[in-house]
Protein backbone atom coordinates (compact mmCIF):
# COMPACT_ATOMS: atom_id res chain seq x y z
CA UNK A 1 207.36 159.91 57.97
CA UNK A 2 204.44 161.23 60.08
CA UNK A 3 202.21 161.17 56.99
CA UNK A 4 203.09 157.54 56.19
CA UNK A 5 202.60 156.48 59.79
CA UNK A 6 199.25 158.26 59.90
CA UNK A 7 198.03 156.73 56.66
CA UNK A 8 199.08 153.29 57.85
CA UNK A 9 197.07 153.83 61.03
CA UNK A 10 194.08 154.94 58.96
CA UNK A 11 194.38 151.77 56.86
CA UNK A 12 194.22 149.74 60.06
CA UNK A 13 191.04 151.63 60.98
CA UNK A 14 189.27 151.57 57.60
CA UNK A 15 190.89 148.76 55.62
CA UNK A 16 190.22 149.12 51.90
CA UNK A 17 188.02 152.15 52.65
CA UNK A 18 191.20 154.19 52.75
CA UNK A 19 192.17 154.54 49.12
CA UNK A 20 195.49 155.73 47.76
CA UNK A 21 194.63 154.93 44.14
CA UNK A 22 195.47 157.50 41.49
CA UNK A 23 191.87 157.53 40.24
CA UNK A 24 190.32 158.24 43.63
CA UNK A 25 192.89 160.90 44.43
CA UNK A 26 192.40 162.58 41.06
CA UNK A 27 188.60 162.65 41.45
CA UNK A 28 188.88 164.27 44.87
CA UNK A 29 191.44 166.82 43.74
CA UNK A 30 189.19 168.35 41.10
CA UNK A 31 186.43 170.95 41.33
CA UNK A 32 183.57 172.42 39.31
CA UNK A 33 185.26 175.69 38.37
CA UNK A 34 188.68 177.23 37.76
CA UNK A 35 190.74 176.14 40.75
CA UNK A 36 193.81 174.04 39.98
CA UNK A 37 193.95 170.28 40.54
CA UNK A 38 195.25 169.57 44.05
CA UNK A 39 195.57 165.92 45.04
CA UNK A 40 194.97 164.46 48.49
CA UNK A 41 197.40 161.83 49.73
CA UNK A 42 194.49 159.46 50.37
CA UNK A 43 190.70 159.29 50.27
CA UNK A 44 188.80 157.96 53.30
CA UNK A 45 185.27 156.52 53.19
CA UNK A 46 183.92 156.38 56.76
CA UNK A 47 180.57 154.75 57.55
CA UNK A 48 179.91 155.84 61.14
CA UNK A 49 180.39 158.84 63.39
CA UNK A 50 182.71 156.80 65.58
CA UNK A 51 184.93 156.07 62.58
CA UNK A 52 185.08 159.77 61.76
CA UNK A 53 186.04 160.50 65.36
CA UNK A 54 188.82 157.89 65.35
CA UNK A 55 190.04 159.10 61.94
CA UNK A 56 190.26 162.68 63.19
CA UNK A 57 192.19 161.59 66.29
CA UNK A 58 194.72 159.76 64.10
CA UNK A 59 195.09 162.75 61.79
CA UNK A 60 195.53 165.07 64.77
CA UNK A 61 198.30 162.88 66.19
CA UNK A 62 200.14 162.90 62.86
CA UNK A 63 199.28 166.47 61.83
CA UNK A 64 197.46 165.36 58.66
CA UNK A 65 195.02 167.80 57.02
CA UNK A 66 191.41 166.65 56.54
CA UNK A 67 189.22 168.07 53.77
CA UNK A 68 185.55 166.95 53.89
CA UNK A 69 183.96 165.93 50.57
CA UNK A 70 180.21 165.71 49.89
CA UNK A 71 179.46 165.50 46.17
CA UNK A 72 182.08 167.97 44.96
CA UNK A 73 179.59 170.48 43.55
CA UNK A 74 180.77 173.55 45.46
CA UNK A 75 181.96 176.47 43.35
CA UNK A 76 184.62 178.18 45.48
CA UNK A 77 187.09 175.34 45.92
CA UNK A 78 185.77 174.28 49.34
CA UNK A 79 186.50 170.57 48.85
CA UNK A 80 189.89 170.95 47.14
CA UNK A 81 192.60 169.50 49.45
CA UNK A 82 195.13 172.23 48.76
CA UNK A 83 197.47 171.00 51.50
CA UNK A 84 197.16 167.31 50.70
CA UNK A 85 196.30 164.95 53.52
CA UNK A 86 193.01 163.07 53.61
CA UNK A 87 189.93 163.78 51.52
CA UNK A 88 187.06 162.67 53.78
CA UNK A 89 184.38 161.35 51.44
CA UNK A 90 181.05 161.17 53.32
CA UNK A 91 179.10 159.41 50.56
CA UNK A 92 178.78 156.13 52.48
CA UNK A 93 177.15 157.89 55.42
CA UNK A 94 173.95 158.25 53.42
CA UNK A 95 171.14 156.96 55.60
CA UNK A 96 167.79 158.58 56.33
CA UNK A 97 167.81 157.71 60.03
CA UNK A 98 164.37 158.78 61.25
CA UNK A 99 161.39 160.61 59.78
CA UNK A 100 159.66 162.56 62.56
CA UNK A 101 156.45 163.31 60.71
CA UNK A 102 154.52 164.70 63.68
CA UNK A 103 157.26 167.26 64.29
CA UNK A 104 157.89 167.84 60.56
CA UNK A 105 161.56 166.91 60.98
CA UNK A 106 163.96 164.26 59.72
CA UNK A 107 167.32 162.92 60.95
CA UNK A 108 169.82 162.14 58.22
CA UNK A 109 173.47 161.34 57.73
CA UNK A 110 175.52 163.94 55.84
CA UNK A 111 175.99 161.95 52.63
CA UNK A 112 172.26 161.90 51.82
CA UNK A 113 171.57 164.11 48.80
CA UNK A 114 168.63 166.47 48.71
CA UNK A 115 166.98 164.57 45.84
CA UNK A 116 167.37 161.22 47.61
CA UNK A 117 165.81 162.67 50.76
CA UNK A 118 162.79 164.03 48.92
CA UNK A 119 162.29 160.71 47.12
CA UNK A 120 162.31 159.00 50.52
CA UNK A 121 159.79 161.52 51.87
CA UNK A 122 157.41 161.32 48.91
CA UNK A 123 154.79 159.16 50.67
CA UNK A 124 154.78 161.27 53.84
CA UNK A 125 153.30 164.47 52.38
CA UNK A 126 156.43 166.33 53.49
CA UNK A 127 159.48 167.63 51.63
CA UNK A 128 162.79 169.36 52.21
CA UNK A 129 162.70 172.66 50.33
CA UNK A 130 166.27 173.97 50.02
CA UNK A 131 167.17 173.63 46.35
CA UNK A 132 170.60 174.88 45.23
CA UNK A 133 170.19 173.25 41.82
CA UNK A 134 172.95 170.67 42.07
CA UNK A 135 172.05 167.38 43.73
CA UNK A 136 174.34 168.26 46.62
CA UNK A 137 174.81 166.32 49.85
CA UNK A 138 172.93 167.67 52.85
CA UNK A 139 176.10 167.76 54.94
CA UNK A 140 177.81 169.87 52.30
CA UNK A 141 174.76 172.10 51.99
CA UNK A 142 174.82 172.76 55.73
CA UNK A 143 178.57 173.34 55.73
CA UNK A 144 178.25 176.00 53.02
CA UNK A 145 174.95 177.45 54.29
CA UNK A 146 173.41 176.69 50.89
CA UNK A 147 170.26 178.25 49.50
CA UNK A 148 168.82 178.42 46.00
CA UNK A 149 165.66 178.91 43.99
CA UNK A 150 163.16 178.36 46.84
CA UNK A 151 164.84 180.55 49.46
CA UNK A 152 162.45 183.44 48.88
CA UNK A 153 159.70 181.35 50.51
CA UNK A 154 161.34 178.61 52.60
CA UNK A 155 164.66 180.11 53.65
CA UNK A 156 168.20 178.75 53.37
CA UNK A 157 169.99 175.96 55.25
CA UNK A 158 170.39 178.45 58.10
CA UNK A 159 166.62 178.35 58.57
CA UNK A 160 166.10 174.62 58.01
CA UNK A 161 168.74 172.94 60.19
CA UNK A 162 167.45 172.28 63.71
CA UNK A 163 170.33 170.27 65.17
CA UNK A 164 173.67 168.69 64.26
CA UNK A 165 176.09 166.04 65.36
CA UNK A 166 179.67 167.24 64.79
CA UNK A 167 183.14 165.75 65.19
CA UNK A 168 185.62 168.39 66.37
CA UNK A 169 189.30 168.66 65.45
CA UNK A 170 190.37 166.64 68.51
CA UNK A 171 187.89 163.85 67.77
CA UNK A 172 185.25 164.87 70.32
CA UNK A 173 181.67 164.25 69.24
CA UNK A 174 179.20 166.99 70.15
CA UNK A 175 175.52 167.60 69.48
CA UNK A 176 174.24 171.10 68.79
CA UNK A 177 170.65 172.28 68.95
CA UNK A 178 167.61 170.11 69.65
CA UNK A 179 164.29 169.06 68.16
CA UNK A 180 162.50 171.85 70.03
CA UNK A 181 161.03 174.69 67.99
CA UNK A 182 163.16 177.26 69.78
CA UNK A 183 165.78 177.60 72.49
CA UNK A 184 167.70 180.28 74.34
CA UNK A 185 170.18 177.85 75.96
CA UNK A 186 173.57 179.43 75.43
CA UNK A 187 175.60 179.99 72.28
CA UNK A 188 173.97 178.84 69.07
CA UNK A 189 176.52 176.21 68.05
CA UNK A 190 174.28 174.95 65.26
CA UNK A 191 174.40 178.34 63.58
CA UNK A 192 178.16 178.45 64.13
CA UNK A 193 178.66 175.16 62.29
CA UNK A 194 176.21 175.93 59.48
CA UNK A 195 178.33 177.86 57.01
CA UNK A 196 181.69 177.02 58.62
CA UNK A 197 182.72 175.09 55.48
CA UNK A 198 184.29 172.19 57.39
CA UNK A 199 186.84 174.45 59.09
CA UNK A 200 185.46 174.06 62.64
CA UNK A 201 184.08 170.52 62.66
CA UNK A 202 182.86 167.65 60.51
CA UNK A 203 179.09 167.22 60.34
CA UNK A 204 178.07 163.57 60.85
CA UNK A 205 174.32 163.92 61.40
CA UNK A 206 171.65 166.56 60.72
CA UNK A 207 168.15 167.14 62.05
CA UNK A 208 166.30 169.07 59.36
CA UNK A 209 163.00 170.93 59.29
CA UNK A 210 160.46 169.73 56.72
CA UNK A 211 157.50 171.41 55.06
CA UNK A 212 154.18 170.17 53.77
CA UNK A 213 154.01 169.37 50.09
CA UNK A 214 151.91 172.14 48.53
CA UNK A 215 148.39 171.27 47.46
CA UNK A 216 148.72 173.31 44.28
CA UNK A 217 151.72 174.51 42.26
CA UNK A 218 151.80 176.94 39.36
CA UNK A 219 154.85 177.98 37.31
CA UNK A 220 155.34 180.49 34.53
CA UNK A 221 157.94 182.23 32.40
CA UNK A 222 157.68 185.68 30.82
CA UNK A 223 159.92 187.96 28.77
CA UNK A 224 160.77 191.67 29.13
CA UNK A 225 162.25 194.15 26.71
CA UNK A 226 164.81 195.36 29.23
CA UNK A 227 166.77 193.95 32.11
CA UNK A 228 165.64 196.83 34.30
CA UNK A 229 161.93 196.11 33.69
CA UNK A 230 162.36 192.47 34.65
CA UNK A 231 164.18 193.26 37.88
CA UNK A 232 161.79 196.08 38.80
CA UNK A 233 158.94 193.59 38.36
CA UNK A 234 160.54 191.46 41.05
CA UNK A 235 160.79 194.43 43.39
CA UNK A 236 157.16 195.40 42.82
CA UNK A 237 155.97 191.80 43.33
CA UNK A 238 157.77 191.62 46.68
CA UNK A 239 156.50 195.02 47.78
CA UNK A 240 152.92 193.93 47.02
CA UNK A 241 153.33 190.89 49.26
CA UNK A 242 152.55 188.36 46.53
CA UNK A 243 153.66 185.01 48.05
CA UNK A 244 156.23 183.45 45.69
CA UNK A 245 157.92 180.09 46.07
CA UNK A 246 160.53 180.93 43.42
CA UNK A 247 161.28 183.96 41.27
CA UNK A 248 164.32 183.67 39.03
CA UNK A 249 165.90 186.03 36.52
CA UNK A 250 167.80 185.10 33.37
CA UNK A 251 169.25 187.62 30.94
CA UNK A 252 168.98 187.61 27.15
CA UNK A 253 172.19 185.62 26.68
CA UNK A 254 170.97 182.95 29.10
CA UNK A 255 167.69 182.71 27.17
CA UNK A 256 169.76 182.11 24.01
CA UNK A 257 171.78 179.44 25.84
CA UNK A 258 168.58 177.74 27.02
CA UNK A 259 167.44 177.55 23.41
CA UNK A 260 170.74 175.98 22.35
CA UNK A 261 170.69 173.40 25.13
CA UNK A 262 166.99 172.55 25.28
CA UNK A 263 165.50 173.26 21.87
CA UNK A 264 163.24 175.96 23.29
CA UNK A 265 162.29 179.13 21.43
CA UNK A 266 162.58 181.88 24.03
CA UNK A 267 162.96 185.36 22.54
CA UNK A 268 166.45 186.76 23.10
CA UNK A 269 165.30 188.94 25.98
CA UNK A 270 165.54 188.94 29.78
CA UNK A 271 163.05 186.56 31.40
CA UNK A 272 161.53 185.87 34.79
CA UNK A 273 160.67 182.34 35.91
CA UNK A 274 158.21 182.14 38.80
CA UNK A 275 156.42 179.53 40.87
CA UNK A 276 153.62 179.70 43.43
CA UNK A 277 152.79 177.11 46.13
CA UNK A 278 149.67 176.82 48.27
CA UNK A 279 145.98 176.02 48.07
CA UNK A 280 144.31 176.07 44.64
CA UNK A 281 142.55 179.32 45.54
CA UNK A 282 145.69 180.94 46.91
CA UNK A 283 147.80 179.95 43.92
CA UNK A 284 145.14 181.19 41.51
CA UNK A 285 144.95 184.56 43.26
CA UNK A 286 148.73 184.99 43.41
CA UNK A 287 149.07 184.02 39.75
CA UNK A 288 146.45 186.56 38.74
CA UNK A 289 148.05 189.36 40.75
CA UNK A 290 151.48 188.57 39.35
CA UNK A 291 150.06 188.57 35.83
CA UNK A 292 148.72 192.07 36.45
CA UNK A 293 152.17 193.26 37.62
CA UNK A 294 153.81 191.77 34.54
CA UNK A 295 151.31 193.50 32.24
CA UNK A 296 151.91 196.82 34.01
CA UNK A 297 155.68 196.43 33.58
CA UNK A 298 155.45 195.57 29.89
CA UNK A 299 156.14 191.84 30.12
CA UNK A 300 155.21 189.63 27.18
CA UNK A 301 155.32 186.03 25.93
CA UNK A 302 153.73 184.95 29.21
CA UNK A 303 153.56 181.14 29.32
CA UNK A 304 152.23 179.00 32.16
CA UNK A 305 153.63 175.52 32.80
CA UNK A 306 150.32 173.81 33.42
CA UNK A 307 151.47 170.21 34.03
CA UNK A 308 153.91 168.63 36.44
CA UNK A 309 156.04 167.55 33.49
CA UNK A 310 156.17 171.09 32.10
CA UNK A 311 157.09 172.54 35.51
CA UNK A 312 159.82 169.97 36.01
CA UNK A 313 161.21 170.73 32.57
CA UNK A 314 161.21 174.47 33.31
CA UNK A 315 163.18 174.13 36.55
CA UNK A 316 165.47 171.44 35.16
CA UNK A 317 166.38 173.95 32.47
CA UNK A 318 167.03 176.66 35.07
CA UNK A 319 169.13 174.33 37.23
CA UNK A 320 171.07 173.34 34.13
CA UNK A 321 172.10 176.91 33.36
CA UNK A 322 175.70 176.37 34.48
CA UNK A 323 176.54 173.30 32.33
CA UNK A 324 174.57 174.80 29.45
CA UNK A 325 176.62 177.99 29.74
CA UNK A 326 179.87 176.00 29.70
CA UNK A 327 178.67 174.18 26.58
CA UNK A 328 177.94 177.54 24.92
CA UNK A 329 181.70 178.10 24.62
CA UNK A 330 183.26 174.66 24.05
CA UNK A 331 186.49 174.07 25.94
CA UNK A 332 185.92 176.95 28.36
CA UNK A 333 185.92 176.98 32.13
CA UNK A 334 183.67 179.04 34.37
CA UNK A 335 184.44 181.72 36.91
CA UNK A 336 181.18 182.21 38.80
CA UNK A 337 180.32 185.48 40.54
CA UNK A 338 177.88 185.45 43.44
CA UNK A 339 176.85 188.75 44.98
CA UNK A 340 173.76 189.67 46.95
CA UNK A 341 172.41 193.18 47.50
CA UNK A 342 169.36 194.77 49.11
CA UNK A 343 166.30 194.41 46.88
CA UNK A 344 166.09 198.21 46.51
CA UNK A 345 169.52 198.21 44.79
CA UNK A 346 169.02 195.06 42.72
CA UNK A 347 168.19 196.63 39.33
CA UNK A 348 171.14 198.96 39.66
CA UNK A 349 173.55 196.15 40.53
CA UNK A 350 172.41 193.81 37.73
CA UNK A 351 172.58 196.61 35.15
CA UNK A 352 176.07 197.53 36.28
CA UNK A 353 177.25 193.94 36.05
CA UNK A 354 175.90 193.57 32.51
CA UNK A 355 177.67 196.77 31.46
CA UNK A 356 180.94 195.77 33.16
CA UNK A 357 180.98 192.33 31.51
CA UNK A 358 180.46 193.87 28.09
CA UNK A 359 183.08 196.57 28.71
CA UNK A 360 185.62 193.92 29.73
CA UNK A 361 185.07 192.05 26.46
CA UNK A 362 183.97 188.88 28.30
CA UNK A 363 181.19 186.37 27.72
CA UNK A 364 179.06 186.20 30.86
CA UNK A 365 175.41 185.16 31.08
CA UNK A 366 173.61 186.46 34.18
CA UNK A 367 171.10 184.49 36.26
CA UNK A 368 169.76 185.17 39.71
CA UNK A 369 167.59 184.24 42.65
CA UNK A 370 166.38 187.79 42.45
CA UNK A 371 163.68 187.36 45.08
CA UNK A 372 166.62 187.35 47.52
CA UNK A 373 168.68 190.03 45.76
CA UNK A 374 171.20 187.31 44.80
CA UNK A 375 172.53 186.94 41.25
CA UNK A 376 175.42 185.35 39.39
CA UNK A 377 177.36 185.63 36.20
CA UNK A 378 179.20 182.67 34.74
CA UNK A 379 182.25 184.21 33.08
CA UNK A 380 183.19 181.80 30.27
CA UNK A 381 186.97 181.76 29.96
CA UNK A 382 189.59 180.22 27.73
CA UNK A 383 191.75 178.26 30.22
CA UNK A 384 194.85 179.05 28.14
CA UNK A 385 194.26 182.82 27.99
CA UNK A 386 195.94 184.42 31.01
CA UNK A 387 194.81 187.90 30.02
CA UNK A 388 191.18 186.82 29.86
CA UNK A 389 191.46 185.22 33.29
CA UNK A 390 193.03 188.39 34.68
CA UNK A 391 190.20 190.53 33.28
CA UNK A 392 187.61 188.14 34.73
CA UNK A 393 189.18 188.20 38.19
CA UNK A 394 189.40 191.99 38.08
CA UNK A 395 185.73 192.20 37.11
CA UNK A 396 184.71 189.76 39.85
CA UNK A 397 186.61 191.85 42.39
CA UNK A 398 185.05 195.07 41.12
CA UNK A 399 181.53 193.70 41.43
CA UNK A 400 182.25 192.31 44.90
CA UNK A 401 183.41 195.74 45.99
CA UNK A 402 180.31 197.29 44.43
CA UNK A 403 178.06 194.83 46.31
CA UNK A 404 179.58 195.99 49.59
CA UNK A 405 179.10 199.65 48.63
CA UNK A 406 175.42 198.89 48.01
CA UNK A 407 175.03 197.34 51.46
CA UNK A 408 175.31 193.74 50.28
CA UNK A 409 177.69 190.80 50.53
CA UNK A 410 180.36 189.25 48.31
CA UNK A 411 178.61 185.87 48.40
CA UNK A 412 174.91 185.18 48.68
CA UNK A 413 175.14 181.39 48.69
CA UNK A 414 178.35 179.91 47.25
CA UNK A 415 180.46 180.63 50.31
CA UNK A 416 184.09 181.64 50.74
CA UNK A 417 186.27 178.57 50.25
CA UNK A 418 189.43 179.84 48.59
CA UNK A 419 187.84 182.00 45.92
CA UNK A 420 186.44 184.75 48.13
CA UNK A 421 189.19 184.97 50.77
CA UNK A 422 190.47 188.21 49.30
CA UNK A 423 187.19 190.02 50.05
CA UNK A 424 186.64 188.94 53.65
CA UNK A 425 188.57 191.80 55.26
CA UNK A 426 186.59 194.37 53.29
CA UNK A 427 183.25 192.81 54.26
CA UNK A 428 183.90 191.92 57.90
CA UNK A 429 186.77 194.08 59.11
CA UNK A 430 187.75 193.04 62.63
CA UNK A 431 184.98 190.45 62.52
CA UNK A 432 187.22 188.36 60.29
CA UNK A 433 189.81 188.34 63.08
CA UNK A 434 187.13 186.98 65.41
CA UNK A 435 186.47 184.15 62.93
CA UNK A 436 190.19 183.33 62.99
CA UNK A 437 190.10 183.31 66.80
CA UNK A 438 187.22 180.82 66.76
CA UNK A 439 189.06 178.68 64.21
CA UNK A 440 192.23 178.60 66.33
CA UNK A 441 190.27 177.79 69.50
CA UNK A 442 188.49 174.81 67.94
CA UNK A 443 191.26 173.69 65.57
CA UNK A 444 194.63 174.89 66.90
CA UNK A 445 196.56 172.57 64.55
CA UNK A 446 194.63 173.88 61.52
CA UNK A 447 193.94 170.38 60.21
CA UNK A 448 190.27 170.89 59.28
CA UNK A 449 189.95 172.11 55.70
CA UNK A 450 193.05 174.33 55.90
CA UNK A 451 193.42 177.17 53.45
CA UNK A 452 189.72 178.08 53.42
CA UNK A 453 187.40 180.79 54.82
CA UNK A 454 189.62 182.36 57.50
CA UNK A 455 192.78 184.45 57.17
CA UNK A 456 195.69 182.20 56.30
CA UNK A 457 199.06 182.27 58.09
CA UNK A 458 202.01 183.30 55.95
């Protein structure tokens, strides 16, 4: 009864922008990976912060769960409404509100995607650098503390969000942070919300830091005989202080998958993909120094992407690694691992993962933002094979435990959602209890994205 009353009140607020159609509910109950379909009772499409605030107040009065939805590209089930309620689709809040060129900042609504923002900024000489691959919404990227291929130079969402507007679980609207370069004014509520995965508040506006579009860009790809040589090349490049904008690793199986999907002819070996940004002189010097490191480490088949079109094709291929991997085994689903370790332990961790995947009898290409010590395997599973799923989950757990032993983390960028809940106690200890305390203080009814990130009540 409370649910029906609440949904009726939401219909009065939003009209036909509260949908109970089977198609909308089905779309918002699905996810990119292996988590089961879980339908919301309705899908809401707000257009203003005030509407979000009123919606949250109604849901709080009727004890209705709210699960924010950006573009649905998250990989740990963040946007799956596992307790029903309302899926809060932010796609209509997609305005670029103000470009603050002199301060190299921009104000946006949460439904703006990263690609749409950079298209809007093209004439300004500025760009937003965080690039997780998927054309994700900026609100979702902040909520999951996203990073990606350019983090080695420009940082993650943690480093590029200056301020937020957030609706809390009781409907209050707060602003966190400011446009100032720095502040020591109390608790850093912006940092608290960035990475909270919609469990503490709903982001309705972001002030983001921008960067100047580089004068020169140079990209390249090169092959190595062994996985260890490729990863050690990354370590040596970092130790030498060569300024990279991106440095990505793909293993031999991924190179084979690239060939299948793109018609390329990469040798079936591990590869590095690298990009430099800066002045023409600076890029030329960095490229030369990196070429010397590659030669010293036995790299071969060195190929520069000399045109914008060639560079775009190279990174489109890298960003397409996940769907290309899924296509490699038709009918499969993916279980994606996501660990991050200190750079000094990177070669060891990647080698161990390759050996563990092979020993488990699984198919699992490995890719990584290795400049950050972050790498993934997409374990390609038969959805009808329970034993294969069990082996994959056991392997994922083993590698997560190994990441912690090496001084790392169980997730470098994909977040916790539902998929990584089982590792939080091991990584954070009593710190996880503190997260639960914060959650209860800000959302005592547990209506904001319940079932995610923090310890769940029995």
